[in-house]
Amino acid sequence: MSVTVKLTSTVAAGVYIISDFAIPKRMFEPDVRSWEFAYLVSTVIHEMRHSEQAFRAIQFALQTDQHIMDNSTPKEIIDAAKKAVKEHPLVPGTDEYKFAAQSFEYIHGEKRLYQANVYIDLENHDIKMKSVEKSVAKTGIEPSQDLLGWLFNSVKNYRQLPGESDSYLTEDKASRLWSNRNKPAPFNFGLRRTPREEGTKIPEPQKFIFPR
């Protein structure tokens, strides 16, 4: 059995795209393990958080009379954001307002192009990594320090984008809640799904700026 879910997500320049998210066939096998399913769910939660960021960015733009850098946003989303502005306006100074303002800045505002370049570098990272792995396997020669530095920084910059950091924190919280679901409080609350690999030196993501 194969299931394909259509996801709407924001990418580099704040443009909505429709992409296929295929649920692995492994999820439908009788011996699938709970951690495997939990990992899939956490990935979906990560992407769902991006949709919340995008919605709050639109709400912030409408409320503060700013331009949205995307003309393809579905009308029903705009209408829902207008309704939110009217019925539940963002309150300056609150965590929710800061969350919306930051989302706007990176999706439609001044940091939009920076974020676009970070995503482009990440795509190039994946391509170069495959090339490096093939080269090392064939020649035994390790890549240069400059290339290793670029590969490291492209991932670091991606993980430190506010929207990505926020989404990873959200999925990690959900994963840890699942892992500790049978334990008493406060052990059933946390943020981290897996420990960092030794030596990566990638800084921890930002703290929560908006309650989940």
Protein backbone atom coordinates (compact mmCIF):
# COMPACT_ATOMS: atom_id res chain seq x y z
CA MET A 1 0.00 0.00 0.00
CA SER A 2 1.29 3.46 -0.87
CA VAL A 3 -0.08 6.78 0.30
CA THR A 4 0.94 10.17 -1.00
CA VAL A 5 0.10 13.31 0.94
CA LYS A 6 0.05 16.72 -0.69
CA LEU A 7 1.84 19.24 1.50
CA THR A 8 1.88 23.00 1.09
CA SER A 9 5.06 24.52 2.43
CA THR A 10 7.09 27.72 2.21
CA VAL A 11 10.50 27.64 0.63
CA ALA A 12 13.43 29.98 0.16
CA ALA A 13 11.75 33.07 -1.24
CA GLY A 14 8.56 32.60 0.71
CA VAL A 15 6.77 31.02 -2.25
CA TYR A 16 4.17 28.33 -1.70
CA ILE A 17 4.86 25.09 -3.52
CA ILE A 18 3.00 21.82 -3.67
CA SER A 19 5.20 18.80 -3.16
CA ASP A 20 4.62 15.09 -2.76
CA PHE A 21 5.39 13.57 0.60
CA ALA A 22 5.33 9.83 0.16
CA ILE A 23 4.71 7.76 3.28
CA PRO A 24 7.24 4.90 3.16
CA LYS A 25 5.77 1.46 2.53
CA ARG A 26 7.53 0.37 5.71
CA MET A 27 4.86 2.23 7.70
CA PHE A 28 2.20 -0.23 6.51
CA GLU A 29 4.08 -3.42 7.35
CA PRO A 30 2.78 -5.42 10.35
CA ASP A 31 6.11 -5.34 12.19
CA VAL A 32 6.68 -1.60 11.92
CA ARG A 33 8.19 -0.30 15.15
CA SER A 34 6.73 2.54 17.17
CA TRP A 35 9.91 4.64 16.90
CA GLU A 36 9.81 4.37 13.10
CA PHE A 37 6.25 5.66 13.01
CA ALA A 38 7.09 8.35 15.58
CA TYR A 39 9.94 9.58 13.38
CA LEU A 40 7.56 9.89 10.43
CA VAL A 41 5.04 11.80 12.53
CA SER A 42 7.73 14.16 13.85
CA THR A 43 8.75 14.96 10.26
CA VAL A 44 5.15 15.82 9.38
CA ILE A 45 4.93 17.98 12.52
CA HIS A 46 8.10 19.80 11.42
CA GLU A 47 6.52 20.70 8.08
CA MET A 48 3.22 21.64 9.73
CA ARG A 49 5.09 24.11 11.91
CA HIS A 50 6.38 25.81 8.76
CA SER A 51 2.77 26.28 7.64
CA GLU A 52 2.01 27.97 10.96
CA GLN A 53 4.99 30.28 10.48
CA ALA A 54 3.75 31.16 7.00
CA PHE A 55 0.23 31.88 8.25
CA ARG A 56 1.45 34.10 11.09
CA ALA A 57 3.68 35.97 8.63
CA ILE A 58 0.65 36.75 6.47
CA GLN A 59 -1.39 37.76 9.50
CA PHE A 60 1.42 40.08 10.61
CA ALA A 61 1.65 41.62 7.12
CA LEU A 62 -2.08 42.30 6.97
CA GLN A 63 -2.18 43.73 10.46
CA THR A 64 0.81 46.04 9.91
CA ASP A 65 -0.05 46.92 6.30
CA GLN A 66 3.06 45.37 4.75
CA HIS A 67 3.61 43.66 1.41
CA ILE A 68 3.45 39.90 0.99
CA MET A 69 6.13 38.65 -1.39
CA ASP A 70 3.94 35.93 -2.86
CA ASN A 71 0.99 36.35 -5.19
CA SER A 72 0.15 32.64 -5.28
CA THR A 73 -1.15 32.37 -1.71
CA PRO A 74 -4.58 30.69 -1.87
CA LYS A 75 -7.48 33.10 -1.33
CA GLU A 76 -8.87 31.01 1.52
CA ILE A 77 -5.58 31.42 3.40
CA ILE A 78 -5.69 35.20 2.97
CA ASP A 79 -9.32 35.24 4.09
CA ALA A 80 -8.47 33.17 7.16
CA ALA A 81 -5.61 35.53 8.01
CA LYS A 82 -7.92 38.55 7.65
CA LYS A 83 -10.37 36.87 9.99
CA ALA A 84 -7.59 36.22 12.48
CA VAL A 85 -6.54 39.88 12.33
CA LYS A 86 -10.11 40.95 13.07
CA GLU A 87 -11.02 38.41 15.74
CA HIS A 88 -7.63 37.63 17.31
CA PRO A 89 -5.22 40.47 16.50
CA LEU A 90 -1.56 40.07 17.34
CA VAL A 91 -0.65 42.03 20.46
CA PRO A 92 2.67 43.95 20.21
CA GLY A 93 5.22 42.82 22.77
CA THR A 94 3.84 39.31 23.17
CA ASP A 95 5.67 36.13 22.18
CA GLU A 96 3.05 35.47 19.53
CA TYR A 97 3.65 38.89 17.97
CA LYS A 98 7.43 38.35 17.98
CA PHE A 99 6.94 34.93 16.40
CA ALA A 100 4.80 36.43 13.64
CA ALA A 101 7.15 39.37 13.06
CA GLN A 102 10.18 37.11 12.75
CA SER A 103 8.34 34.75 10.42
CA PHE A 104 7.42 37.72 8.22
CA GLU A 105 11.00 39.02 8.18
CA TYR A 106 12.41 35.74 6.81
CA ILE A 107 9.54 34.79 4.50
CA HIS A 108 8.55 38.17 3.04
CA GLY A 109 10.84 40.78 4.58
CA GLU A 110 14.47 41.89 4.66
CA LYS A 111 15.90 38.43 5.43
CA ARG A 112 14.01 36.75 2.57
CA LEU A 113 16.93 36.67 0.13
CA TYR A 114 19.35 35.53 2.83
CA GLN A 115 17.08 32.62 3.63
CA ALA A 116 16.75 31.83 -0.08
CA ASN A 117 20.53 31.58 -0.42
CA VAL A 118 20.79 29.34 2.65
CA TYR A 119 18.30 26.89 1.13
CA ILE A 120 20.18 26.96 -2.19
CA ASP A 121 23.42 26.18 -0.36
CA LEU A 122 21.71 23.27 1.40
CA GLU A 123 20.63 21.80 -1.93
CA ASN A 124 24.17 22.17 -3.24
CA HIS A 125 25.46 20.58 -0.02
CA ASP A 126 23.52 17.39 -0.71
CA ILE A 127 24.82 17.27 -4.28
CA LYS A 128 28.44 17.88 -3.23
CA MET A 129 28.25 15.34 -0.40
CA LYS A 130 27.33 12.58 -2.86
CA SER A 131 30.21 13.63 -5.10
CA VAL A 132 32.65 13.69 -2.17
CA GLU A 133 31.58 10.25 -0.98
CA LYS A 134 32.10 8.77 -4.45
CA SER A 135 35.48 10.47 -4.81
CA VAL A 136 36.76 9.30 -1.43
CA ALA A 137 35.58 5.74 -2.09
CA LYS A 138 37.35 5.72 -5.45
CA THR A 139 40.59 7.56 -4.67
CA GLY A 140 40.91 7.43 -0.89
CA ILE A 141 41.76 11.13 -0.91
CA GLU A 142 39.96 13.21 1.69
CA PRO A 143 38.30 16.49 0.61
CA SER A 144 40.05 19.80 1.26
CA GLN A 145 39.54 21.69 4.51
CA ASP A 146 37.91 24.51 2.58
CA LEU A 147 35.30 22.15 1.16
CA LEU A 148 34.71 20.51 4.53
CA GLY A 149 34.25 23.95 6.05
CA TRP A 150 31.73 24.92 3.40
CA LEU A 151 29.80 21.67 3.87
CA PHE A 152 29.67 22.22 7.63
CA ASN A 153 28.61 25.87 7.39
CA SER A 154 25.87 25.17 4.85
CA VAL A 155 24.20 22.80 7.31
CA LYS A 156 24.85 25.07 10.29
CA ASN A 157 23.31 28.08 8.54
CA TYR A 158 20.29 26.00 7.60
CA ARG A 159 19.73 24.69 11.12
CA GLN A 160 20.12 28.21 12.53
CA LEU A 161 17.46 29.79 10.35
CA PRO A 162 14.80 30.88 12.85
CA GLY A 163 12.06 28.99 11.00
CA GLU A 164 14.08 25.78 10.83
CA SER A 165 15.34 26.02 14.39
CA ASP A 166 11.75 26.56 15.53
CA SER A 167 10.42 23.65 13.46
CA TYR A 168 13.12 21.27 14.68
CA LEU A 169 12.38 22.23 18.27
CA THR A 170 8.70 21.57 17.65
CA GLU A 171 9.26 18.13 16.13
CA ASP A 172 11.80 17.22 18.81
CA LYS A 173 9.32 18.10 21.53
CA ALA A 174 6.66 15.93 19.94
CA SER A 175 9.11 13.04 19.56
CA ARG A 176 10.24 13.22 23.14
CA LEU A 177 6.68 13.44 24.40
CA TRP A 178 5.98 10.22 22.50
CA SER A 179 9.11 8.50 23.77
CA ASN A 180 8.29 9.38 27.39
CA ARG A 181 4.51 9.05 27.16
CA ASN A 182 4.38 6.41 29.91
CA LYS A 183 6.63 8.26 32.33
CA PRO A 184 5.40 10.62 35.06
CA ALA A 185 5.88 14.38 34.79
CA PRO A 186 8.29 16.11 34.40
CA PHE A 187 10.06 13.30 32.53
CA ASN A 188 7.41 13.30 29.80
CA PHE A 189 8.39 16.79 28.69
CA GLY A 190 11.46 17.78 26.71
CA LEU A 191 12.96 19.10 23.53
CA ARG A 192 15.53 16.72 22.14
CA ARG A 193 14.88 13.63 19.99
CA THR A 194 18.45 12.40 19.59
CA PRO A 195 21.81 13.51 21.01
CA ARG A 196 24.10 15.59 18.85
CA GLU A 197 26.92 13.74 17.14
CA GLU A 198 30.26 14.27 18.83
CA GLY A 199 32.43 16.93 17.24
CA THR A 200 29.79 18.66 15.12
CA LYS A 201 29.88 21.79 17.28
CA ILE A 202 26.60 22.98 15.81
CA PRO A 203 25.07 25.33 18.40
CA GLU A 204 21.83 24.36 20.06
CA PRO A 205 18.69 25.79 18.40
CA GLN A 206 17.06 28.88 19.81
CA LYS A 207 14.73 28.64 22.76
CA PHE A 208 10.97 28.62 22.26
CA ILE A 209 9.63 32.05 21.38
CA PHE A 210 6.00 31.03 21.09
CA PRO A 211 4.20 28.48 23.29
CA ARG A 212 3.25 25.21 21.59
